[in-house]
Amino acid sequence: MTLLSFVTKQTQLQEKFVKNTIDLLNEDCTIPFISRYRKERTGNLDEVQIADIVKFKEQFEALEKR
């Protein structure tokens, strides 16, 4: 299972928006910045949905380390 498929399954969000959000997070963009200024790339995800993506991304990365 990949990071993208794991987060998409957990959040029930569209894969392209999850991918774009993860890309922005990897570029060190903050949650408020992404939700306010990158709406076109994230499909208008709000801060709570982006925080969920962050949470599941961190969970997946922790599982990968094991």
Protein backbone atom coordinates (compact mmCIF):
# COMPACT_ATOMS: atom_id res chain seq x y z
CA MET A 1 0.00 0.00 0.00
CA THR A 2 1.31 3.44 -0.88
CA LEU A 3 1.08 6.65 1.10
CA LEU A 4 -1.40 8.09 -1.38
CA SER A 5 -3.73 5.07 -1.32
CA PHE A 6 -3.57 4.84 2.49
CA VAL A 7 -4.44 8.49 3.05
CA THR A 8 -7.13 8.46 0.35
CA LYS A 9 -8.76 5.40 1.90
CA GLN A 10 -8.68 6.83 5.42
CA THR A 11 -10.00 10.28 4.50
CA GLN A 12 -12.49 9.28 1.77
CA LEU A 13 -11.32 12.28 -0.29
CA GLN A 14 -10.56 12.36 -4.01
CA GLU A 15 -7.12 11.00 -4.79
CA LYS A 16 -5.99 13.97 -6.91
CA PHE A 17 -6.73 16.42 -4.09
CA VAL A 18 -4.95 14.24 -1.52
CA LYS A 19 -1.92 13.97 -3.83
CA ASN A 20 -1.80 17.73 -4.40
CA THR A 21 -2.12 18.38 -0.66
CA ILE A 22 0.68 15.93 0.16
CA ASP A 23 2.86 17.59 -2.48
CA LEU A 24 2.22 21.00 -0.89
CA LEU A 25 2.98 19.62 2.58
CA ASN A 26 6.25 18.18 1.27
CA GLU A 27 7.10 21.69 0.02
CA ASP A 28 6.76 22.86 3.66
CA CYS A 29 3.49 24.74 3.11
CA THR A 30 1.44 25.19 6.27
CA ILE A 31 -2.13 24.01 6.74
CA PRO A 32 -3.59 27.56 6.87
CA PHE A 33 -1.64 28.55 3.74
CA ILE A 34 -2.85 25.51 1.82
CA SER A 35 -6.49 25.94 2.84
CA ARG A 36 -6.56 29.66 2.03
CA TYR A 37 -4.30 30.10 -0.98
CA ARG A 38 -4.18 26.73 -2.75
CA LYS A 39 -7.91 25.96 -2.96
CA GLU A 40 -7.70 25.30 -6.70
CA ARG A 41 -5.15 22.51 -6.10
CA THR A 42 -6.92 20.96 -3.12
CA GLY A 43 -10.54 21.09 -4.23
CA ASN A 44 -11.46 23.60 -1.51
CA LEU A 45 -10.40 21.34 1.36
CA ASP A 46 -10.78 23.03 4.72
CA GLU A 47 -8.21 23.08 7.53
CA VAL A 48 -9.77 20.09 9.30
CA GLN A 49 -9.58 17.91 6.18
CA ILE A 50 -5.99 18.96 5.55
CA ALA A 51 -5.13 18.22 9.19
CA ASP A 52 -6.61 14.74 8.69
CA ILE A 53 -4.35 14.25 5.68
CA VAL A 54 -1.36 15.30 7.81
CA LYS A 55 -2.40 12.91 10.59
CA PHE A 56 -2.78 9.91 8.29
CA LYS A 57 0.41 10.81 6.42
CA GLU A 58 2.31 10.74 9.72
CA GLN A 59 0.65 7.44 10.71
CA PHE A 60 1.67 5.84 7.42
CA GLU A 61 5.24 7.10 7.74
CA ALA A 62 5.42 5.72 11.30
CA LEU A 63 4.20 2.32 10.08
CA GLU A 64 6.77 2.35 7.28
CA LYS A 65 9.58 2.86 9.80
CA ARG A 66 8.66 -0.34 11.63
